[in-house]
Amino acid sequence: GKIEIEHASAFLYFNKKGIVQELIHNLKYKGNEEIGTV
């Protein structure tokens, strides 16, 4: 009801204090851009 899209998905679930939060934090604030590549 907001915008028309063909597809939407996300790879991982993000939970507070979980492993994915740690990965995103390291990617976003610690300069570990290799996380995005993998």
All heavy atoms as atom14 arrays in JSON, in Angstrom:
{
  "sequence": "GKIEIEHASAFLYFNKKGIVQELIHNLKYKGNEEIGTV",
  "atom14_mask": [
    [1, 1, 1, 1, 0, 0, 0, 0, 0, 0, 0, 0, 0, 0],
    [1, 1, 1, 1, 1, 1, 1, 1, 1, 0, 0, 0, 0, 0],
    [1, 1, 1, 1, 1, 1, 1, 1, 0, 0, 0, 0, 0, 0],
    [1, 1, 1, 1, 1, 1, 1, 1, 1, 0, 0, 0, 0, 0],
    [1, 1, 1, 1, 1, 1, 1, 1, 0, 0, 0, 0, 0, 0],
    [1, 1, 1, 1, 1, 1, 1, 1, 1, 0, 0, 0, 0, 0],
    [1, 1, 1, 1, 1, 1, 1, 1, 1, 1, 0, 0, 0, 0],
    [1, 1, 1, 1, 1, 0, 0, 0, 0, 0, 0, 0, 0, 0],
    [1, 1, 1, 1, 1, 1, 0, 0, 0, 0, 0, 0, 0, 0],
    [1, 1, 1, 1, 1, 0, 0, 0, 0, 0, 0, 0, 0, 0],
    [1, 1, 1, 1, 1, 1, 1, 1, 1, 1, 1, 0, 0, 0],
    [1, 1, 1, 1, 1, 1, 1, 1, 0, 0, 0, 0, 0, 0],
    [1, 1, 1, 1, 1, 1, 1, 1, 1, 1, 1, 1, 0, 0],
    [1, 1, 1, 1, 1, 1, 1, 1, 1, 1, 1, 0, 0, 0],
    [1, 1, 1, 1, 1, 1, 1, 1, 0, 0, 0, 0, 0, 0],
    [1, 1, 1, 1, 1, 1, 1, 1, 1, 0, 0, 0, 0, 0],
    [1, 1, 1, 1, 1, 1, 1, 1, 1, 0, 0, 0, 0, 0],
    [1, 1, 1, 1, 0, 0, 0, 0, 0, 0, 0, 0, 0, 0],
    [1, 1, 1, 1, 1, 1, 1, 1, 0, 0, 0, 0, 0, 0],
    [1, 1, 1, 1, 1, 1, 1, 0, 0, 0, 0, 0, 0, 0],
    [1, 1, 1, 1, 1, 1, 1, 1, 1, 0, 0, 0, 0, 0],
    [1, 1, 1, 1, 1, 1, 1, 1, 1, 0, 0, 0, 0, 0],
    [1, 1, 1, 1, 1, 1, 1, 1, 0, 0, 0, 0, 0, 0],
    [1, 1, 1, 1, 1, 1, 1, 1, 0, 0, 0, 0, 0, 0],
    [1, 1, 1, 1, 1, 1, 1, 1, 1, 1, 0, 0, 0, 0],
    [1, 1, 1, 1, 1, 1, 1, 1, 0, 0, 0, 0, 0, 0],
    [1, 1, 1, 1, 1, 1, 1, 1, 0, 0, 0, 0, 0, 0],
    [1, 1, 1, 1, 1, 1, 1, 1, 1, 0, 0, 0, 0, 0],
    [1, 1, 1, 1, 1, 1, 1, 1, 1, 1, 1, 1, 0, 0],
    [1, 1, 1, 1, 1, 1, 1, 1, 1, 0, 0, 0, 0, 0],
    [1, 1, 1, 1, 0, 0, 0, 0, 0, 0, 0, 0, 0, 0],
    [1, 1, 1, 1, 1, 1, 1, 1, 0, 0, 0, 0, 0, 0],
    [1, 1, 1, 1, 1, 1, 1, 1, 1, 0, 0, 0, 0, 0],
    [1, 1, 1, 1, 1, 1, 1, 1, 1, 0, 0, 0, 0, 0],
    [1, 1, 1, 1, 1, 1, 1, 1, 0, 0, 0, 0, 0, 0],
    [1, 1, 1, 1, 0, 0, 0, 0, 0, 0, 0, 0, 0, 0],
    [1, 1, 1, 1, 1, 1, 1, 0, 0, 0, 0, 0, 0, 0],
    [1, 1, 1, 1, 1, 1, 1, 0, 0, 0, 0, 0, 0, 0]
  ],
  "atom14_positions": [
    [[0.78, -1.23, 0.0], [0.0, 0.0, 0.0], [0.81, 1.27, 0.0], [0.26, 2.37, 0.09], [0.0, 0.0, 0.0], [0.0, 0.0, 0.0], [0.0, 0.0, 0.0], [0.0, 0.0, 0.0], [0.0, 0.0, 0.0], [0.0, 0.0, 0.0], [0.0, 0.0, 0.0], [0.0, 0.0, 0.0], [0.0, 0.0, 0.0], [0.0, 0.0, 0.0]],
    [[2.13, 1.18, -0.11], [3.0, 2.35, -0.08], [3.66, 2.59, -1.44], [3.53, 3.65, -2.02], [4.07, 2.17, 1.0], [3.51, 2.05, 2.41], [4.61, 1.78, 3.42], [4.04, 1.6, 4.82], [5.11, 1.27, 5.8], [0.0, 0.0, 0.0], [0.0, 0.0, 0.0], [0.0, 0.0, 0.0], [0.0, 0.0, 0.0], [0.0, 0.0, 0.0]],
    [[4.37, 1.59, -1.92], [5.0, 1.68, -3.24], [4.87, 0.35, -3.95], [4.73, -0.7, -3.31], [6.51, 2.05, -3.13], [7.21, 1.09, -2.16], [6.71, 3.51, -2.76], [8.72, 1.22, -2.19], [0.0, 0.0, 0.0], [0.0, 0.0, 0.0], [0.0, 0.0, 0.0], [0.0, 0.0, 0.0], [0.0, 0.0, 0.0], [0.0, 0.0, 0.0]],
    [[4.94, 0.4, -5.25], [4.88, -0.83, -6.04], [6.29, -1.36, -6.25], [7.15, -0.66, -6.78], [4.21, -0.57, -7.39], [4.02, -1.84, -8.21], [3.27, -1.59, -9.51], [2.63, -0.52, -9.62], [3.33, -2.45, -10.4], [0.0, 0.0, 0.0], [0.0, 0.0, 0.0], [0.0, 0.0, 0.0], [0.0, 0.0, 0.0], [0.0, 0.0, 0.0]],
    [[6.52, -2.59, -5.83], [7.83, -3.21, -6.01], [7.68, -4.57, -6.68], [6.62, -5.19, -6.6], [8.57, -3.37, -4.67], [7.74, -4.19, -3.67], [8.95, -2.01, -4.08], [8.48, -4.54, -2.39], [0.0, 0.0, 0.0], [0.0, 0.0, 0.0], [0.0, 0.0, 0.0], [0.0, 0.0, 0.0], [0.0, 0.0, 0.0], [0.0, 0.0, 0.0]],
    [[8.74, -5.0, -7.32], [8.74, -6.31, -7.98], [9.13, -7.42, -7.0], [8.67, -8.54, -7.1], [9.74, -6.29, -9.15], [9.52, -5.17, -10.15], [8.15, -5.24, -10.8], [7.78, -6.31, -11.3], [7.45, -4.2, -10.79], [0.0, 0.0, 0.0], [0.0, 0.0, 0.0], [0.0, 0.0, 0.0], [0.0, 0.0, 0.0], [0.0, 0.0, 0.0]],
    [[10.01, -7.07, -6.06], [10.55, -8.07, -5.13], [11.17, -7.34, -3.94], [11.67, -6.23, -4.07], [11.63, -8.91, -5.83], [12.47, -9.72, -4.88], [12.07, -10.94, -4.42], [13.68, -9.46, -4.29], [13.0, -11.41, -3.6], [13.97, -10.53, -3.5], [0.0, 0.0, 0.0], [0.0, 0.0, 0.0], [0.0, 0.0, 0.0], [0.0, 0.0, 0.0]],
    [[11.13, -7.96, -2.77], [11.86, -7.46, -1.61], [12.32, -8.67, -0.78], [11.57, -9.63, -0.62], [11.01, -6.53, -0.76], [0.0, 0.0, 0.0], [0.0, 0.0, 0.0], [0.0, 0.0, 0.0], [0.0, 0.0, 0.0], [0.0, 0.0, 0.0], [0.0, 0.0, 0.0], [0.0, 0.0, 0.0], [0.0, 0.0, 0.0], [0.0, 0.0, 0.0]],
    [[13.53, -8.6, -0.29], [14.02, -9.66, 0.58], [15.21, -9.16, 1.39], [15.8, -8.13, 1.07], [14.43, -10.91, -0.22], [15.51, -10.62, -1.09], [0.0, 0.0, 0.0], [0.0, 0.0, 0.0], [0.0, 0.0, 0.0], [0.0, 0.0, 0.0], [0.0, 0.0, 0.0], [0.0, 0.0, 0.0], [0.0, 0.0, 0.0], [0.0, 0.0, 0.0]],
    [[15.52, -9.89, 2.44], [16.7, -9.62, 3.25], [17.37, -10.95, 3.51], [16.71, -11.99, 3.64], [16.3, -8.94, 4.57], [0.0, 0.0, 0.0], [0.0, 0.0, 0.0], [0.0, 0.0, 0.0], [0.0, 0.0, 0.0], [0.0, 0.0, 0.0], [0.0, 0.0, 0.0], [0.0, 0.0, 0.0], [0.0, 0.0, 0.0], [0.0, 0.0, 0.0]],
    [[18.68, -10.94, 3.6], [19.43, -12.17, 3.72], [19.35, -12.77, 5.13], [19.15, -13.96, 5.3], [20.89, -11.89, 3.34], [21.78, -13.1, 3.32], [21.33, -14.33, 2.9], [23.12, -12.98, 3.72], [22.16, -15.44, 2.87], [23.95, -14.07, 3.68], [23.48, -15.3, 3.27], [0.0, 0.0, 0.0], [0.0, 0.0, 0.0], [0.0, 0.0, 0.0]],
    [[19.5, -11.91, 6.15], [19.61, -12.37, 7.53], [18.61, -11.67, 8.44], [18.16, -10.57, 8.14], [21.03, -12.08, 8.07], [22.2, -12.67, 7.28], [23.5, -12.0, 7.7], [22.29, -14.18, 7.48], [0.0, 0.0, 0.0], [0.0, 0.0, 0.0], [0.0, 0.0, 0.0], [0.0, 0.0, 0.0], [0.0, 0.0, 0.0], [0.0, 0.0, 0.0]],
    [[18.29, -12.3, 9.56], [17.51, -11.66, 10.6], [18.45, -10.86, 11.5], [19.51, -11.36, 11.9], [16.76, -12.69, 11.46], [15.57, -13.32, 10.79], [15.53, -14.69, 10.54], [14.46, -12.55, 10.42], [14.42, -15.28, 9.93], [13.36, -13.13, 9.81], [13.34, -14.49, 9.57], [12.26, -15.07, 8.97], [0.0, 0.0, 0.0], [0.0, 0.0, 0.0]],
    [[18.04, -9.64, 11.83], [18.83, -8.78, 12.71], [18.17, -8.77, 14.08], [17.03, -8.33, 14.22], [18.86, -7.36, 12.12], [19.66, -6.36, 12.91], [20.95, -6.01, 12.53], [19.13, -5.74, 14.03], [21.69, -5.07, 13.25], [19.84, -4.8, 14.75], [21.13, -4.47, 14.35], [0.0, 0.0, 0.0], [0.0, 0.0, 0.0], [0.0, 0.0, 0.0]],
    [[18.87, -9.27, 15.09], [18.38, -9.28, 16.46], [19.33, -8.5, 17.35], [20.55, -8.54, 17.16], [18.27, -10.72, 16.99], [17.24, -11.54, 16.24], [16.06, -11.22, 16.25], [17.7, -12.59, 15.56], [0.0, 0.0, 0.0], [0.0, 0.0, 0.0], [0.0, 0.0, 0.0], [0.0, 0.0, 0.0], [0.0, 0.0, 0.0], [0.0, 0.0, 0.0]],
    [[18.79, -7.78, 18.32], [19.61, -7.03, 19.26], [20.59, -7.96, 19.96], [20.22, -9.04, 20.43], [18.72, -6.34, 20.31], [17.9, -5.18, 19.77], [18.78, -3.96, 19.51], [17.93, -2.76, 19.13], [18.76, -1.57, 18.85], [0.0, 0.0, 0.0], [0.0, 0.0, 0.0], [0.0, 0.0, 0.0], [0.0, 0.0, 0.0], [0.0, 0.0, 0.0]],
    [[21.85, -7.55, 19.98], [22.95, -8.29, 20.63], [23.22, -9.64, 19.97], [23.9, -10.49, 20.56], [22.65, -8.48, 22.13], [22.53, -7.17, 22.89], [22.31, -7.4, 24.38], [22.21, -6.05, 25.1], [21.98, -6.22, 26.57], [0.0, 0.0, 0.0], [0.0, 0.0, 0.0], [0.0, 0.0, 0.0], [0.0, 0.0, 0.0], [0.0, 0.0, 0.0]],
    [[22.72, -9.83, 18.77], [22.97, -11.07, 18.04], [24.18, -10.95, 17.14], [24.81, -9.9, 17.0], [0.0, 0.0, 0.0], [0.0, 0.0, 0.0], [0.0, 0.0, 0.0], [0.0, 0.0, 0.0], [0.0, 0.0, 0.0], [0.0, 0.0, 0.0], [0.0, 0.0, 0.0], [0.0, 0.0, 0.0], [0.0, 0.0, 0.0], [0.0, 0.0, 0.0]],
    [[24.51, -12.05, 16.48], [25.68, -12.1, 15.63], [25.57, -11.13, 14.44], [26.56, -10.5, 14.06], [25.94, -13.55, 15.12], [27.23, -13.6, 14.3], [24.75, -14.06, 14.3], [27.59, -15.0, 13.9], [0.0, 0.0, 0.0], [0.0, 0.0, 0.0], [0.0, 0.0, 0.0], [0.0, 0.0, 0.0], [0.0, 0.0, 0.0], [0.0, 0.0, 0.0]],
    [[24.37, -10.96, 13.9], [24.21, -10.08, 12.74], [24.4, -8.62, 13.16], [25.0, -7.83, 12.41], [22.83, -10.29, 12.08], [22.65, -9.32, 10.91], [22.71, -11.73, 11.59], [0.0, 0.0, 0.0], [0.0, 0.0, 0.0], [0.0, 0.0, 0.0], [0.0, 0.0, 0.0], [0.0, 0.0, 0.0], [0.0, 0.0, 0.0], [0.0, 0.0, 0.0]],
    [[23.93, -8.25, 14.33], [24.18, -6.89, 14.82], [25.68, -6.63, 14.93], [26.16, -5.55, 14.57], [23.52, -6.67, 16.18], [23.71, -5.23, 16.68], [23.11, -4.98, 18.04], [23.25, -5.81, 18.94], [22.47, -3.85, 18.22], [0.0, 0.0, 0.0], [0.0, 0.0, 0.0], [0.0, 0.0, 0.0], [0.0, 0.0, 0.0], [0.0, 0.0, 0.0]],
    [[26.42, -7.62, 15.39], [27.88, -7.48, 15.5], [28.52, -7.32, 14.12], [29.41, -6.48, 13.93], [28.46, -8.7, 16.22], [29.93, -8.59, 16.56], [30.24, -7.52, 17.59], [29.33, -7.14, 18.36], [31.4, -7.06, 17.62], [0.0, 0.0, 0.0], [0.0, 0.0, 0.0], [0.0, 0.0, 0.0], [0.0, 0.0, 0.0], [0.0, 0.0, 0.0]],
    [[28.05, -8.1, 13.16], [28.59, -7.99, 11.8], [28.32, -6.62, 11.2], [29.22, -5.98, 10.65], [27.95, -9.06, 10.9], [28.35, -10.51, 11.12], [27.56, -11.41, 10.17], [29.84, -10.71, 10.91], [0.0, 0.0, 0.0], [0.0, 0.0, 0.0], [0.0, 0.0, 0.0], [0.0, 0.0, 0.0], [0.0, 0.0, 0.0], [0.0, 0.0, 0.0]],
    [[27.08, -6.16, 11.31], [26.71, -4.85, 10.75], [27.48, -3.73, 11.44], [27.92, -2.77, 10.8], [25.19, -4.62, 10.85], [24.42, -5.68, 10.04], [24.83, -3.21, 10.37], [24.69, -5.67, 8.56], [0.0, 0.0, 0.0], [0.0, 0.0, 0.0], [0.0, 0.0, 0.0], [0.0, 0.0, 0.0], [0.0, 0.0, 0.0], [0.0, 0.0, 0.0]],
    [[27.66, -3.85, 12.75], [28.42, -2.84, 13.49], [29.86, -2.77, 13.0], [30.42, -1.68, 12.79], [28.39, -3.16, 14.99], [29.14, -2.17, 15.83], [28.6, -0.97, 16.25], [30.42, -2.19, 16.32], [29.49, -0.3, 16.95], [30.6, -1.01, 17.01], [0.0, 0.0, 0.0], [0.0, 0.0, 0.0], [0.0, 0.0, 0.0], [0.0, 0.0, 0.0]],
    [[30.47, -3.93, 12.81], [31.85, -3.97, 12.32], [31.97, -3.45, 10.9], [32.97, -2.82, 10.55], [32.4, -5.4, 12.4], [32.88, -5.76, 13.79], [33.81, -5.17, 14.32], [32.21, -6.72, 14.42], [0.0, 0.0, 0.0], [0.0, 0.0, 0.0], [0.0, 0.0, 0.0], [0.0, 0.0, 0.0], [0.0, 0.0, 0.0], [0.0, 0.0, 0.0]],
    [[30.96, -3.7, 10.1], [30.95, -3.19, 8.73], [30.74, -1.68, 8.7], [31.46, -0.95, 8.01], [29.83, -3.9, 7.94], [29.46, -3.31, 6.57], [30.65, -3.39, 5.61], [28.26, -4.04, 5.99], [0.0, 0.0, 0.0], [0.0, 0.0, 0.0], [0.0, 0.0, 0.0], [0.0, 0.0, 0.0], [0.0, 0.0, 0.0], [0.0, 0.0, 0.0]],
    [[29.79, -1.21, 9.47], [29.35, 0.18, 9.39], [30.27, 1.15, 10.12], [30.49, 2.28, 9.66], [27.93, 0.27, 9.96], [27.18, 1.55, 9.62], [25.72, 1.41, 10.0], [24.91, 2.65, 9.62], [23.47, 2.47, 9.91], [0.0, 0.0, 0.0], [0.0, 0.0, 0.0], [0.0, 0.0, 0.0], [0.0, 0.0, 0.0], [0.0, 0.0, 0.0]],
    [[30.82, 0.71, 11.26], [31.57, 1.65, 12.09], [33.05, 1.28, 12.29], [33.83, 2.12, 12.74], [30.91, 1.76, 13.47], [29.48, 2.22, 13.39], [28.43, 1.36, 13.71], [29.15, 3.51, 12.98], [27.11, 1.77, 13.63], [27.83, 3.93, 12.89], [26.81, 3.06, 13.22], [25.51, 3.47, 13.13], [0.0, 0.0, 0.0], [0.0, 0.0, 0.0]],
    [[33.43, 0.05, 11.95], [34.8, -0.38, 12.16], [35.6, -0.55, 10.87], [36.74, -0.98, 10.89], [34.82, -1.72, 12.94], [34.13, -1.66, 14.3], [34.86, -0.77, 15.27], [34.23, -0.82, 16.66], [34.92, 0.05, 17.63], [0.0, 0.0, 0.0], [0.0, 0.0, 0.0], [0.0, 0.0, 0.0], [0.0, 0.0, 0.0], [0.0, 0.0, 0.0]],
    [[34.96, -0.22, 9.74], [35.68, -0.25, 8.47], [35.93, -1.63, 7.89], [36.71, -1.76, 6.95], [0.0, 0.0, 0.0], [0.0, 0.0, 0.0], [0.0, 0.0, 0.0], [0.0, 0.0, 0.0], [0.0, 0.0, 0.0], [0.0, 0.0, 0.0], [0.0, 0.0, 0.0], [0.0, 0.0, 0.0], [0.0, 0.0, 0.0], [0.0, 0.0, 0.0]],
    [[35.27, -2.67, 8.42], [35.48, -4.02, 7.89], [34.56, -4.25, 6.69], [33.56, -4.96, 6.76], [35.22, -5.06, 8.98], [35.7, -6.45, 8.58], [36.01, -6.71, 7.41], [35.79, -7.33, 9.55], [0.0, 0.0, 0.0], [0.0, 0.0, 0.0], [0.0, 0.0, 0.0], [0.0, 0.0, 0.0], [0.0, 0.0, 0.0], [0.0, 0.0, 0.0]],
    [[34.91, -3.63, 5.56], [34.07, -3.7, 4.37], [34.04, -5.08, 3.73], [33.16, -5.38, 2.91], [34.54, -2.66, 3.36], [34.33, -1.22, 3.8], [34.66, -0.23, 2.71], [33.77, 0.06, 1.9], [35.82, 0.22, 2.67], [0.0, 0.0, 0.0], [0.0, 0.0, 0.0], [0.0, 0.0, 0.0], [0.0, 0.0, 0.0], [0.0, 0.0, 0.0]],
    [[34.99, -5.93, 4.1], [35.01, -7.28, 3.54], [33.77, -8.07, 3.94], [33.36, -9.01, 3.26], [36.28, -8.01, 3.99], [36.56, -9.28, 3.2], [37.88, -9.93, 3.55], [38.53, -9.48, 4.53], [38.25, -10.9, 2.87], [0.0, 0.0, 0.0], [0.0, 0.0, 0.0], [0.0, 0.0, 0.0], [0.0, 0.0, 0.0], [0.0, 0.0, 0.0]],
    [[33.14, -7.67, 5.06], [31.9, -8.33, 5.49], [30.85, -8.21, 4.39], [30.14, -9.18, 4.07], [31.38, -7.69, 6.8], [32.32, -8.02, 7.95], [29.96, -8.17, 7.12], [32.03, -7.25, 9.23], [0.0, 0.0, 0.0], [0.0, 0.0, 0.0], [0.0, 0.0, 0.0], [0.0, 0.0, 0.0], [0.0, 0.0, 0.0], [0.0, 0.0, 0.0]],
    [[30.71, -7.02, 3.81], [29.75, -6.81, 2.73], [30.02, -7.68, 1.53], [29.1, -8.23, 0.91], [0.0, 0.0, 0.0], [0.0, 0.0, 0.0], [0.0, 0.0, 0.0], [0.0, 0.0, 0.0], [0.0, 0.0, 0.0], [0.0, 0.0, 0.0], [0.0, 0.0, 0.0], [0.0, 0.0, 0.0], [0.0, 0.0, 0.0], [0.0, 0.0, 0.0]],
    [[31.3, -7.84, 1.2], [31.67, -8.68, 0.06], [31.27, -10.13, 0.29], [30.67, -10.78, -0.58], [33.19, -8.6, -0.19], [33.55, -7.24, -0.45], [33.6, -9.47, -1.38], [0.0, 0.0, 0.0], [0.0, 0.0, 0.0], [0.0, 0.0, 0.0], [0.0, 0.0, 0.0], [0.0, 0.0, 0.0], [0.0, 0.0, 0.0], [0.0, 0.0, 0.0]],
    [[31.6, -10.65, 1.48], [31.3, -12.06, 1.78], [29.79, -12.3, 1.8], [29.3, -13.29, 1.23], [31.93, -12.45, 3.13], [31.46, -13.84, 3.57], [33.45, -12.43, 3.02], [0.0, 0.0, 0.0], [0.0, 0.0, 0.0], [0.0, 0.0, 0.0], [0.0, 0.0, 0.0], [0.0, 0.0, 0.0], [0.0, 0.0, 0.0], [0.0, 0.0, 0.0]]
  ]
}
